[in-house]
Amino acid sequence: MSKATKHWDKIYQTKDHTKLSWSQTQASISLDWILNYTNKKDTIIDVGAGVSVLIDNLLDKGYKNLSLLEFSPIAIQTVKNRLKNHLGHVTFYNENILNFQSNAEFDLWHDRAVFHFLTNTKDQQTYIQKLNQQLKSGGYFLLATFAPTGPKQCSELDVVQYDSDKIIQLLGVDFKLIKTTNEAHPHPNGSTQDFSYFLFQKC
């Protein structure tokens, strides 16, 4: 088991999931954007899903071609238990996004707070290569990261903060920015954390 897997397994095993800083009762911005730019037959992957309720939200809206990628086996099993009546509509990938290999292609790739944990250029470029391989032409990349005014660390790990200029430069000419917004995400401890949301379309 890798060091990273042990790190996230420990978090999901020892902490109240509703008290985690990124916890949401509903994935409001992500859900709204997905509903606006996709249809119920589209293939959607949630990368680094953890125990997020986004999959639940999409199932409730009638989506049936969903995938979830997460390298914590404990988080994967937690979601499987929660979605036991819907497992026929969800494909689970228990692996690191940097090692992801699949014949599947996706209409929308969702990532809320995975990419910003990639702090070196090689890992960032590997991620973008996987994104390009798996996302259909004309498909959407919905990304949420910590904003420049957000935290510099999360769960004892360093993160990279992004604004539009920074992420556009990394993605290059293969992606067109469709929209962006900021969110002051409420932390369970009463504070807030600033996130940036970006929606790109693959050219």
Protein backbone atom coordinates (compact mmCIF):
# COMPACT_ATOMS: atom_id res chain seq x y z
CA MET A 1 0.00 0.00 0.00
CA SER A 2 1.41 3.39 -1.00
CA LYS A 3 2.14 6.17 1.48
CA ALA A 4 -0.58 8.32 -0.12
CA THR A 5 -3.16 5.54 0.17
CA LYS A 6 -2.30 5.02 3.83
CA HIS A 7 -2.61 8.77 4.43
CA TRP A 8 -6.12 9.03 2.95
CA ASP A 9 -7.29 5.70 4.36
CA LYS A 10 -6.38 6.95 7.83
CA ILE A 11 -8.41 10.13 7.29
CA TYR A 12 -11.49 8.28 6.07
CA GLN A 13 -11.15 5.61 8.78
CA THR A 14 -10.53 7.83 11.80
CA LYS A 15 -12.47 11.05 11.12
CA ASP A 16 -16.15 11.87 11.03
CA HIS A 17 -16.78 12.36 7.31
CA THR A 18 -19.18 15.24 7.99
CA LYS A 19 -16.40 17.09 9.84
CA LEU A 20 -13.88 16.96 7.00
CA SER A 21 -13.05 20.41 5.65
CA TRP A 22 -14.29 19.58 2.14
CA SER A 23 -17.56 17.97 3.26
CA GLN A 24 -20.75 19.02 1.45
CA THR A 25 -24.38 18.15 2.07
CA GLN A 26 -24.96 18.88 -1.62
CA ALA A 27 -22.42 19.53 -4.37
CA SER A 28 -24.26 22.68 -5.39
CA ILE A 29 -21.96 24.42 -7.92
CA SER A 30 -20.71 21.20 -9.50
CA LEU A 31 -24.21 19.78 -9.72
CA ASP A 32 -25.70 22.92 -11.24
CA TRP A 33 -23.00 23.13 -13.91
CA ILE A 34 -23.24 19.44 -14.77
CA LEU A 35 -27.01 19.69 -15.13
CA ASN A 36 -26.62 22.73 -17.39
CA TYR A 37 -23.99 21.25 -19.72
CA THR A 38 -24.79 17.53 -19.92
CA ASN A 39 -27.72 15.18 -20.34
CA LYS A 40 -28.68 12.09 -18.39
CA LYS A 41 -27.12 9.70 -20.92
CA ASP A 42 -23.67 11.32 -20.78
CA THR A 43 -20.70 9.51 -19.27
CA ILE A 44 -19.37 11.35 -16.21
CA ILE A 45 -16.37 10.61 -14.00
CA ASP A 46 -15.73 12.08 -10.56
CA VAL A 47 -11.96 12.02 -9.98
CA GLY A 48 -10.77 11.77 -6.39
CA ALA A 49 -14.35 11.44 -5.27
CA GLY A 50 -13.66 10.46 -1.67
CA VAL A 51 -17.07 10.08 -0.04
CA SER A 52 -18.61 12.99 -1.96
CA VAL A 53 -22.38 13.14 -2.41
CA LEU A 54 -22.08 14.35 -6.03
CA ILE A 55 -22.69 10.81 -7.32
CA ASP A 56 -25.80 10.56 -5.10
CA ASN A 57 -27.01 13.93 -6.40
CA LEU A 58 -26.58 12.83 -10.03
CA LEU A 59 -28.29 9.49 -9.45
CA ASP A 60 -31.22 11.37 -7.91
CA LYS A 61 -31.42 13.42 -11.14
CA GLY A 62 -31.58 10.29 -13.31
CA TYR A 63 -27.97 9.98 -14.50
CA LYS A 64 -26.97 6.36 -15.13
CA ASN A 65 -23.48 6.37 -16.73
CA LEU A 66 -21.35 7.42 -13.78
CA SER A 67 -17.80 6.58 -12.75
CA LEU A 68 -15.96 7.27 -9.53
CA LEU A 69 -12.17 7.24 -9.13
CA GLU A 70 -10.61 7.23 -5.67
CA PHE A 71 -7.44 5.61 -4.32
CA SER A 72 -8.65 5.13 -0.73
CA PRO A 73 -10.24 1.66 -0.52
CA ILE A 74 -12.05 2.74 2.64
CA ALA A 75 -13.65 5.71 0.87
CA ILE A 76 -14.62 3.48 -2.08
CA GLN A 77 -16.27 0.93 0.21
CA THR A 78 -18.10 3.67 2.12
CA VAL A 79 -19.64 4.95 -1.11
CA LYS A 80 -20.47 1.42 -2.32
CA ASN A 81 -22.30 0.76 0.93
CA ARG A 82 -24.19 4.03 0.60
CA LEU A 83 -25.12 3.35 -3.04
CA LYS A 84 -25.88 -0.34 -2.68
CA ASN A 85 -29.18 0.03 -4.55
CA HIS A 86 -27.55 1.85 -7.50
CA LEU A 87 -24.33 -0.08 -8.13
CA GLY A 88 -25.43 -0.99 -11.66
CA HIS A 89 -25.14 2.66 -12.66
CA VAL A 90 -21.69 3.39 -11.17
CA THR A 91 -18.24 2.13 -12.21
CA PHE A 92 -15.63 2.27 -9.43
CA TYR A 93 -11.91 2.80 -10.09
CA ASN A 94 -9.82 2.25 -6.96
CA GLU A 95 -6.54 3.78 -8.10
CA ASN A 96 -4.35 6.85 -8.32
CA ILE A 97 -5.37 9.18 -11.13
CA LEU A 98 -1.73 9.34 -12.25
CA ASN A 99 -1.89 5.60 -13.02
CA PHE A 100 -5.38 5.62 -14.54
CA GLN A 101 -5.85 3.46 -17.64
CA SER A 102 -9.23 2.76 -19.18
CA ASN A 103 -10.85 2.26 -22.57
CA ALA A 104 -13.71 4.46 -21.40
CA GLU A 105 -14.18 7.98 -22.71
CA PHE A 106 -16.08 10.61 -20.79
CA ASP A 107 -18.36 13.50 -21.67
CA LEU A 108 -17.50 15.26 -18.43
CA TRP A 109 -14.55 14.94 -16.06
CA HIS A 110 -15.17 16.37 -12.58
CA ASP A 111 -12.41 17.09 -10.08
CA ARG A 112 -13.10 18.91 -6.86
CA ALA A 113 -9.80 19.37 -5.03
CA VAL A 114 -7.55 16.61 -6.40
CA PHE A 115 -5.52 18.51 -8.96
CA HIS A 116 -4.37 21.11 -6.44
CA PHE A 117 -2.56 18.37 -4.47
CA LEU A 118 -0.22 17.81 -7.43
CA THR A 119 2.63 20.10 -6.51
CA ASN A 120 5.27 19.12 -9.06
CA THR A 121 5.24 19.78 -12.79
CA LYS A 122 5.68 16.13 -13.81
CA ASP A 123 2.55 15.01 -11.92
CA GLN A 124 0.55 17.95 -13.24
CA GLN A 125 1.49 17.09 -16.82
CA THR A 126 0.71 13.39 -16.27
CA TYR A 127 -2.73 14.34 -14.98
CA ILE A 128 -3.39 16.58 -17.98
CA GLN A 129 -2.25 13.79 -20.31
CA LYS A 130 -4.76 11.39 -18.69
CA LEU A 131 -7.45 14.05 -19.00
CA ASN A 132 -6.73 14.46 -22.70
CA GLN A 133 -6.75 10.71 -23.28
CA GLN A 134 -10.04 10.01 -21.53
CA LEU A 135 -12.13 13.12 -22.25
CA LYS A 136 -14.09 13.17 -25.50
CA SER A 137 -13.58 15.97 -27.99
CA GLY A 138 -16.09 18.64 -27.04
CA GLY A 139 -16.31 17.19 -23.52
CA TYR A 140 -16.18 19.24 -20.35
CA PHE A 141 -13.56 19.50 -17.61
CA LEU A 142 -15.08 20.80 -14.36
CA LEU A 143 -12.31 21.64 -11.90
CA ALA A 144 -12.41 23.08 -8.38
CA THR A 145 -9.20 24.07 -6.59
CA PHE A 146 -8.19 26.29 -3.72
CA ALA A 147 -8.20 29.92 -4.82
CA PRO A 148 -5.19 32.24 -4.37
CA THR A 149 -6.85 33.42 -1.14
CA GLY A 150 -7.48 29.85 0.02
CA PRO A 151 -5.42 27.50 2.20
CA LYS A 152 -1.85 26.58 1.32
CA GLN A 153 -2.22 23.18 2.95
CA CYS A 154 -4.99 20.62 3.35
CA SER A 155 -4.92 17.46 5.47
CA GLU A 156 -1.26 18.16 6.29
CA LEU A 157 -0.34 18.22 2.59
CA ASP A 158 0.84 21.16 0.48
CA VAL A 159 -1.46 22.36 -2.29
CA VAL A 160 -1.20 24.66 -5.31
CA GLN A 161 -3.64 27.57 -5.49
CA TYR A 162 -5.11 28.52 -8.87
CA ASP A 163 -6.73 31.44 -10.62
CA SER A 164 -7.92 31.49 -14.24
CA ASP A 165 -4.62 32.63 -15.74
CA LYS A 166 -2.63 29.94 -13.97
CA ILE A 167 -4.84 27.01 -14.92
CA ILE A 168 -5.30 28.24 -18.52
CA GLN A 169 -1.53 28.37 -18.93
CA LEU A 170 -1.19 24.79 -17.69
CA LEU A 171 -3.97 23.34 -19.86
CA GLY A 172 -2.81 25.08 -23.02
CA VAL A 173 -4.64 25.39 -26.32
CA ASP A 174 -6.51 22.08 -26.01
CA PHE A 175 -9.08 23.59 -23.63
CA LYS A 176 -11.33 26.64 -23.77
CA LEU A 177 -12.53 28.28 -20.54
CA ILE A 178 -16.34 28.44 -20.54
CA LYS A 179 -17.01 29.89 -17.10
CA THR A 180 -15.49 30.39 -13.68
CA THR A 181 -16.66 31.38 -10.22
CA ASN A 182 -15.41 31.56 -6.65
CA GLU A 183 -16.87 29.95 -3.55
CA ALA A 184 -16.33 30.60 0.14
CA HIS A 185 -16.84 27.00 1.21
CA PRO A 186 -18.06 26.68 4.81
CA HIS A 187 -15.67 24.65 6.96
CA PRO A 188 -17.36 22.53 9.66
CA ASN A 189 -15.34 24.45 12.27
CA GLY A 190 -17.19 27.66 11.36
CA SER A 191 -14.55 29.25 9.11
CA THR A 192 -14.55 29.36 5.30
CA GLN A 193 -12.13 28.22 2.59
CA ASP A 194 -11.89 30.01 -0.76
CA PHE A 195 -12.29 27.78 -3.83
CA SER A 196 -12.05 28.56 -7.55
CA TYR A 197 -14.33 26.67 -9.95
CA PHE A 198 -13.50 26.37 -13.65
CA LEU A 199 -15.46 24.83 -16.53
CA PHE A 200 -13.42 24.06 -19.64
CA GLN A 201 -14.43 22.50 -22.93
CA LYS A 202 -12.00 20.31 -24.83
CA CYS A 203 -11.37 21.68 -28.30
